[in-house]
Amino acid sequence: MKKAPALAAPLARAALDSVADAIVVVGADGGVLHLNPAAEELFGRSRERAVELPVRALPAGSQLAVLAERTRVSQETQSADFPSPRDAGIPIAVEANPLLDGTDCVGTVLVLRVPRGSERALDFEALAAGLAHEIKNPLAGLQGSAELLAREAEGSAKEYAQIIAREAKRVDGLVRELLDLARPAVLQTSTLDVHRVLDDVAVLARGIPGADRVTFVERFDPSLPAIQGDEEKLKQVVLNLVRNALDALSGRNEPTLTFETSVASVRVRSAGGRTRPLARLSIQDNGGGIPEPMLARLFTPFATSKPAGTGLGLAISRRIVEAHGGRIEVKNRATGGAEANVYLPLDVP
């Protein structure tokens, strides 16, 4: 079987990279030969990390692999609709074209078209913001009245009033999260040391119930340069990841949570084509890992496996990280447990 050549010609690469649609070039062996910038953004993978991996390794890659192979064998253009790898609620159209070298089919060119305009996302944001504002005022009145009643009531009436006040407070937290998700992430940036952020979060984490059983490990790269970021919002992101890790460690033997930093092995590409190095902030646990069906939906709003969870924390965290020009990835570790990596542009050329 003839294998597709690497796409090394600068003109060919430039042509693919200039296309607004996401393009993935797959070789005859099912390996990724090229991702253009739109595909990097869609899949949350840099081309350096994706090239030569099987296309199945990409989010929703199993379906793409089947379509690519079917197209290569038939040498006919085919199309299908798949859930978006970034948001399972938004379908994307995928067109597969055979990659020909003379008369031989040596691979497949996948063109993934995300709906333009993001009407559904905008509708959700407007609905969430409007609903949150409408709920907030009467909810504050309900909570205040219940707290006053709890002070004056006796017996079962006092207990019921306390339950109402407690649940109203919980709903108020959900409303605040909805507002955070609906509003653009406005950053108050400054030059900061990510290790200070992690140290502060570690102090907060040790006060979470059950954390006294957990061994905290720090593996910091002391040469990591400063970044430009919003310190409070980044603390919010890391604390959310740490809370998830602590939940996964509940009931485990010798629970360990590791903070790790490094300069990432990949760089981020800006809209102008310039690349910048990335800092990697990693939160690792030795828990039971994340079920595969849940792993694909982690950043989808309201997707949660926790009985008392809202499913908004990771969606908000991703919005904050992307506002910094970075990205966030969560995966299971080969040695067991899960790993969350936050990649942020470094303040160096």
Protein backbone atom coordinates (compact mmCIF):
# COMPACT_ATOMS: atom_id res chain seq x y z
CA MET A 1 0.00 0.00 0.00
CA LYS A 2 1.38 3.36 -1.00
CA LYS A 3 1.66 5.83 1.86
CA ALA A 4 0.84 9.52 1.48
CA PRO A 5 3.87 11.80 1.50
CA ALA A 6 4.28 14.29 4.32
CA LEU A 7 2.83 17.68 3.47
CA ALA A 8 6.17 19.47 3.51
CA ALA A 9 5.78 21.85 0.58
CA PRO A 10 5.47 25.37 2.04
CA LEU A 11 2.92 26.41 -0.59
CA ALA A 12 0.67 23.41 0.10
CA ARG A 13 0.84 24.02 3.83
CA ALA A 14 0.14 27.73 3.40
CA ALA A 15 -2.89 26.96 1.21
CA LEU A 16 -4.38 24.59 3.79
CA ASP A 17 -3.59 26.94 6.67
CA SER A 18 -5.39 29.83 4.97
CA VAL A 19 -8.70 27.92 4.80
CA ALA A 20 -11.25 28.96 7.43
CA ASP A 21 -12.71 25.44 7.74
CA ALA A 22 -10.94 22.85 9.86
CA ILE A 23 -8.90 20.46 7.68
CA VAL A 24 -7.36 17.15 8.73
CA VAL A 25 -5.22 15.22 6.24
CA VAL A 26 -5.16 11.48 7.01
CA GLY A 27 -2.68 9.04 5.47
CA ALA A 28 -3.43 5.58 4.13
CA ASP A 29 -2.36 4.07 7.45
CA GLY A 30 -4.90 6.18 9.37
CA GLY A 31 -2.28 8.55 10.77
CA VAL A 32 -2.71 12.33 10.86
CA LEU A 33 -0.45 14.05 8.32
CA HIS A 34 -1.55 17.64 8.87
CA LEU A 35 -3.90 19.89 10.84
CA ASN A 36 -4.53 23.45 9.76
CA PRO A 37 -4.93 26.19 12.44
CA ALA A 38 -8.75 25.92 12.37
CA ALA A 39 -8.47 22.17 13.09
CA GLU A 40 -5.97 22.85 15.89
CA GLU A 41 -8.51 25.12 17.53
CA LEU A 42 -11.42 22.74 16.95
CA PHE A 43 -9.70 19.70 18.44
CA GLY A 44 -7.61 21.55 21.04
CA ARG A 45 -4.46 19.88 19.67
CA SER A 46 -1.39 21.42 18.07
CA ARG A 47 -0.26 19.88 14.81
CA GLU A 48 3.06 18.99 16.43
CA ARG A 49 1.25 16.77 18.92
CA ALA A 50 -1.23 15.35 16.41
CA VAL A 51 0.93 14.53 13.37
CA GLU A 52 1.68 10.81 13.04
CA LEU A 53 -0.88 9.93 15.71
CA PRO A 54 -3.84 7.83 14.49
CA VAL A 55 -6.84 9.98 13.63
CA ARG A 56 -8.73 7.89 16.20
CA ALA A 57 -6.71 9.67 18.91
CA LEU A 58 -8.48 12.96 18.15
CA PRO A 59 -11.73 13.79 19.99
CA ALA A 60 -14.58 12.04 18.10
CA GLY A 61 -11.78 10.44 16.07
CA SER A 62 -13.34 6.98 15.81
CA GLN A 63 -16.11 8.29 13.57
CA LEU A 64 -13.64 10.31 11.52
CA ALA A 65 -11.43 7.24 11.08
CA VAL A 66 -14.33 5.18 9.74
CA LEU A 67 -15.31 7.92 7.28
CA ALA A 68 -11.69 8.42 6.15
CA GLU A 69 -11.15 4.70 5.51
CA ARG A 70 -14.46 4.32 3.70
CA THR A 71 -13.53 7.24 1.44
CA ARG A 72 -10.02 5.94 0.76
CA VAL A 73 -11.30 2.48 -0.21
CA SER A 74 -14.13 3.78 -2.41
CA GLN A 75 -12.12 6.76 -3.74
CA GLU A 76 -15.38 8.73 -3.70
CA THR A 77 -16.23 11.89 -1.78
CA GLN A 78 -18.49 11.22 1.19
CA SER A 79 -20.02 13.33 3.94
CA ALA A 80 -21.65 12.96 7.34
CA ASP A 81 -22.70 15.01 10.35
CA PHE A 82 -20.90 14.48 13.67
CA PRO A 83 -21.14 16.05 17.14
CA SER A 84 -18.55 18.78 17.52
CA PRO A 85 -15.52 17.61 19.55
CA ARG A 86 -15.64 20.89 21.47
CA ASP A 87 -19.37 20.91 22.23
CA ALA A 88 -21.45 17.77 21.78
CA GLY A 89 -24.58 19.88 21.33
CA ILE A 90 -23.47 21.56 18.08
CA PRO A 91 -23.33 19.30 14.99
CA ILE A 92 -20.62 19.80 12.38
CA ALA A 93 -20.64 18.75 8.75
CA VAL A 94 -17.70 16.59 7.66
CA GLU A 95 -16.77 16.12 3.99
CA ALA A 96 -14.19 13.45 3.13
CA ASN A 97 -12.28 13.65 -0.16
CA PRO A 98 -9.79 11.05 -1.43
CA LEU A 99 -6.16 12.19 -1.56
CA LEU A 100 -4.83 11.00 -4.91
CA ASP A 101 -1.27 10.52 -6.12
CA GLY A 102 -1.86 9.90 -9.81
CA THR A 103 -4.40 7.06 -9.83
CA ASP A 104 -3.51 5.82 -6.34
CA CYS A 105 -5.52 6.88 -3.31
CA VAL A 106 -2.96 7.57 -0.60
CA GLY A 107 -5.17 9.11 2.06
CA THR A 108 -8.13 11.33 2.82
CA VAL A 109 -8.71 15.05 3.26
CA LEU A 110 -11.35 15.71 5.92
CA VAL A 111 -13.03 19.12 5.85
CA LEU A 112 -14.98 19.92 9.02
CA ARG A 113 -17.41 22.81 8.84
CA VAL A 114 -18.59 24.29 12.13
CA PRO A 115 -21.85 26.30 11.87
CA ARG A 116 -21.00 29.95 11.30
CA GLY A 117 -22.47 32.74 13.38
CA SER A 118 -22.69 30.66 16.58
CA GLU A 119 -26.39 31.50 16.83
CA ARG A 120 -27.02 28.65 19.24
CA ALA A 121 -24.18 29.70 21.53
CA LEU A 122 -25.37 33.30 21.48
CA ASP A 123 -28.95 32.18 22.18
CA PHE A 124 -27.75 30.14 25.15
CA GLU A 125 -25.68 33.02 26.53
CA ALA A 126 -28.56 35.48 26.18
CA LEU A 127 -31.00 33.02 27.76
CA ALA A 128 -28.63 32.19 30.62
CA ALA A 129 -27.91 35.85 31.38
CA GLY A 130 -31.57 36.88 31.20
CA LEU A 131 -32.76 33.94 33.27
CA ALA A 132 -30.08 34.49 35.90
CA HIS A 133 -30.98 38.16 36.29
CA GLU A 134 -34.71 37.38 36.55
CA ILE A 135 -34.11 34.74 39.22
CA LYS A 136 -31.57 36.66 41.28
CA ASN A 137 -33.81 39.34 42.84
CA PRO A 138 -36.72 37.14 44.00
CA LEU A 139 -34.22 34.53 45.15
CA ALA A 140 -32.48 37.07 47.39
CA GLY A 141 -35.86 37.94 48.94
CA LEU A 142 -36.66 34.26 49.49
CA GLN A 143 -33.31 33.57 51.13
CA GLY A 144 -33.52 36.64 53.38
CA SER A 145 -37.08 35.84 54.48
CA ALA A 146 -36.16 32.22 55.22
CA GLU A 147 -33.18 33.28 57.34
CA LEU A 148 -35.36 35.70 59.34
CA LEU A 149 -38.01 33.02 59.82
CA ALA A 150 -35.37 30.52 60.95
CA ARG A 151 -34.29 32.91 63.72
CA GLU A 152 -37.83 33.32 65.10
CA ALA A 153 -39.43 29.94 64.42
CA GLU A 154 -39.26 26.90 66.66
CA GLY A 155 -39.37 23.16 66.20
CA SER A 156 -40.03 21.74 62.75
CA ALA A 157 -40.86 25.19 61.31
CA LYS A 158 -37.34 26.36 62.20
CA GLU A 159 -35.85 23.27 60.53
CA TYR A 160 -37.88 23.81 57.36
CA ALA A 161 -36.91 27.49 57.23
CA GLN A 162 -33.24 26.53 57.53
CA ILE A 163 -33.63 24.07 54.64
CA ILE A 164 -35.26 26.77 52.49
CA ALA A 165 -32.46 29.25 53.27
CA ARG A 166 -29.76 26.65 52.56
CA GLU A 167 -31.29 25.58 49.24
CA ALA A 168 -31.84 29.21 48.21
CA LYS A 169 -28.14 29.83 48.85
CA ARG A 170 -27.25 26.81 46.69
CA VAL A 171 -29.46 28.06 43.84
CA ASP A 172 -27.87 31.51 44.18
CA GLY A 173 -24.48 29.85 43.59
CA LEU A 174 -25.85 28.19 40.45
CA VAL A 175 -27.18 31.53 39.20
CA ARG A 176 -23.76 33.13 39.72
CA GLU A 177 -22.14 30.32 37.72
CA LEU A 178 -24.66 30.82 34.92
CA LEU A 179 -23.78 34.51 34.82
CA ASP A 180 -20.06 33.67 34.73
CA LEU A 181 -20.67 31.34 31.79
CA ALA A 182 -22.88 33.79 29.91
CA ARG A 183 -20.61 36.82 30.28
CA PRO A 184 -17.35 37.20 28.36
CA ALA A 185 -14.33 36.57 30.58
CA VAL A 186 -13.05 40.10 31.28
CA LEU A 187 -9.46 39.85 32.50
CA GLN A 188 -7.51 42.08 34.87
CA THR A 189 -4.05 41.02 33.75
CA SER A 190 -0.67 41.59 35.33
CA THR A 191 2.72 39.89 35.27
CA LEU A 192 2.53 36.95 37.63
CA ASP A 193 4.36 33.84 38.78
CA VAL A 194 2.20 30.74 38.19
CA HIS A 195 3.91 29.01 41.13
CA ARG A 196 2.46 31.60 43.48
CA VAL A 197 -0.98 30.85 42.05
CA LEU A 198 -0.49 27.12 42.66
CA ASP A 199 0.87 27.69 46.18
CA ASP A 200 -2.15 29.82 47.10
CA VAL A 201 -4.54 27.19 45.72
CA ALA A 202 -2.72 24.44 47.62
CA VAL A 203 -3.28 26.35 50.88
CA LEU A 204 -7.01 26.66 50.08
CA ALA A 205 -7.22 23.01 49.00
CA ARG A 206 -5.81 21.73 52.30
CA GLY A 207 -8.83 23.26 54.04
CA ILE A 208 -11.35 21.28 51.95
CA PRO A 209 -12.99 18.43 53.93
CA GLY A 210 -11.15 15.16 53.33
CA ALA A 211 -7.99 16.84 52.04
CA ASP A 212 -6.14 16.07 55.27
CA ARG A 213 -5.78 12.46 54.02
CA VAL A 214 -4.22 13.56 50.74
CA THR A 215 -0.49 13.86 50.10
CA PHE A 216 0.28 17.03 48.13
CA VAL A 217 3.31 16.88 45.84
CA GLU A 218 4.92 19.81 44.01
CA ARG A 219 7.11 19.33 40.94
CA PHE A 220 7.85 22.86 39.79
CA ASP A 221 10.15 24.02 37.01
CA PRO A 222 12.04 26.92 38.66
CA SER A 223 13.11 28.30 35.28
CA LEU A 224 9.51 28.87 34.14
CA PRO A 225 9.16 32.52 33.07
CA ALA A 226 6.35 34.84 34.14
CA ILE A 227 3.03 35.06 32.31
CA GLN A 228 0.49 37.81 31.71
CA GLY A 229 -2.71 36.71 33.40
CA ASP A 230 -5.59 37.42 35.72
CA GLU A 231 -4.43 35.99 39.05
CA GLU A 232 -7.86 35.63 40.65
CA LYS A 233 -9.45 34.00 37.61
CA LEU A 234 -6.54 31.58 37.21
CA LYS A 235 -6.87 30.66 40.89
CA GLN A 236 -10.55 29.96 40.18
CA VAL A 237 -9.58 27.63 37.32
CA VAL A 238 -6.92 25.72 39.27
CA LEU A 239 -9.08 25.45 42.42
CA ASN A 240 -11.89 23.99 40.34
CA LEU A 241 -9.52 21.38 38.89
CA VAL A 242 -8.17 20.61 42.37
CA ARG A 243 -11.69 20.15 43.77
CA ASN A 244 -12.43 17.66 41.00
CA ALA A 245 -9.21 15.81 41.76
CA LEU A 246 -10.00 15.67 45.49
CA ASP A 247 -13.46 14.26 44.71
CA ALA A 248 -11.79 11.54 42.62
CA LEU A 249 -9.47 10.70 45.54
CA SER A 250 -12.27 10.15 48.04
CA GLY A 251 -11.94 6.69 49.54
CA ARG A 252 -8.70 5.86 47.69
CA ASN A 253 -5.71 4.29 49.38
CA GLU A 254 -2.67 6.59 49.65
CA PRO A 255 -4.37 9.47 47.79
CA THR A 256 -1.89 11.80 46.10
CA LEU A 257 -2.44 15.10 44.31
CA THR A 258 0.46 16.46 42.29
CA PHE A 259 1.07 20.03 41.09
CA GLU A 260 3.51 20.11 38.18
CA THR A 261 4.79 22.91 35.94
CA SER A 262 6.98 22.98 32.85
CA VAL A 263 7.51 24.72 29.55
CA ALA A 264 5.25 22.80 27.17
CA SER A 265 6.77 20.89 24.28
CA VAL A 266 4.41 22.67 21.86
CA ARG A 267 3.80 26.30 20.96
CA VAL A 268 0.58 28.20 20.31
CA ARG A 269 -0.02 29.88 16.97
CA SER A 270 -1.65 33.32 16.95
CA ALA A 271 -3.98 34.59 14.22
CA GLY A 272 -1.04 36.42 12.62
CA GLY A 273 0.94 33.19 12.30
CA ARG A 274 3.42 33.98 15.11
CA THR A 275 4.07 31.21 17.59
CA ARG A 276 4.66 31.57 21.33
CA PRO A 277 5.88 29.09 23.94
CA LEU A 278 3.43 27.80 26.52
CA ALA A 279 3.57 27.26 30.24
CA ARG A 280 2.03 23.97 31.38
CA LEU A 281 0.23 23.80 34.73
CA SER A 282 -0.71 20.23 35.56
CA ILE A 283 -2.98 18.81 38.27
CA GLN A 284 -2.61 15.03 38.61
CA ASP A 285 -4.34 12.52 40.87
CA ASN A 286 -4.13 8.79 41.44
CA GLY A 287 -7.88 8.28 41.64
CA GLY A 288 -10.05 6.02 39.55
CA GLY A 289 -9.88 8.08 36.35
CA ILE A 290 -12.75 9.49 34.29
CA PRO A 291 -15.22 7.22 32.45
CA GLU A 292 -14.72 7.51 28.68
CA PRO A 293 -18.32 8.67 27.94
CA MET A 294 -17.89 11.45 30.52
CA LEU A 295 -14.42 12.37 29.25
CA ALA A 296 -15.88 13.46 25.90
CA ARG A 297 -18.46 15.73 27.61
CA LEU A 298 -16.40 17.31 30.39
CA PHE A 299 -16.56 20.86 29.02
CA THR A 300 -20.23 20.69 28.00
CA PRO A 301 -22.39 22.90 30.27
CA PHE A 302 -24.48 20.90 32.79
CA ALA A 303 -22.62 17.64 32.06
CA THR A 304 -21.65 16.18 35.43
CA SER A 305 -21.35 12.84 37.18
CA LYS A 306 -21.54 14.38 40.67
CA PRO A 307 -24.85 14.08 42.55
CA ALA A 308 -24.60 17.72 43.72
CA GLY A 309 -22.63 19.08 40.75
CA THR A 310 -23.82 21.75 38.31
CA GLY A 311 -21.61 20.81 35.35
CA LEU A 312 -20.61 24.45 34.87
CA GLY A 313 -17.19 24.58 36.53
CA LEU A 314 -15.12 23.16 33.68
CA ALA A 315 -17.07 25.10 31.04
CA ILE A 316 -16.32 28.33 32.91
CA SER A 317 -12.69 27.29 33.41
CA ARG A 318 -12.24 26.67 29.69
CA ARG A 319 -13.69 30.09 28.89
CA ILE A 320 -11.24 31.76 31.29
CA VAL A 321 -8.22 29.87 29.92
CA GLU A 322 -9.18 30.58 26.31
CA ALA A 323 -9.57 34.27 27.19
CA HIS A 324 -5.89 34.11 28.21
CA GLY A 325 -5.03 32.72 24.77
CA GLY A 326 -4.43 29.26 26.18
CA ARG A 327 -6.23 25.95 26.33
CA ILE A 328 -7.16 23.27 28.83
CA GLU A 329 -7.09 19.49 28.44
CA VAL A 330 -8.23 16.70 30.76
CA LYS A 331 -7.25 13.09 30.19
CA ASN A 332 -6.79 9.78 31.97
CA ARG A 333 -3.24 8.82 32.89
CA ALA A 334 -1.72 5.57 31.67
CA THR A 335 -0.58 4.84 35.24
CA GLY A 336 -4.06 5.46 36.68
CA GLY A 337 -5.97 8.53 37.75
CA ALA A 338 -6.57 11.70 35.77
CA GLU A 339 -4.53 14.69 34.66
CA ALA A 340 -5.69 18.23 33.88
CA ASN A 341 -3.29 20.42 31.92
CA VAL A 342 -3.66 24.18 31.55
CA TYR A 343 -1.53 25.75 28.79
CA LEU A 344 -0.90 29.50 28.98
CA PRO A 345 1.23 31.69 26.67
CA LEU A 346 4.52 32.67 28.22
CA ASP A 347 5.60 36.30 28.38
CA VAL A 348 8.67 35.65 26.21
CA PRO A 349 9.30 35.72 22.41
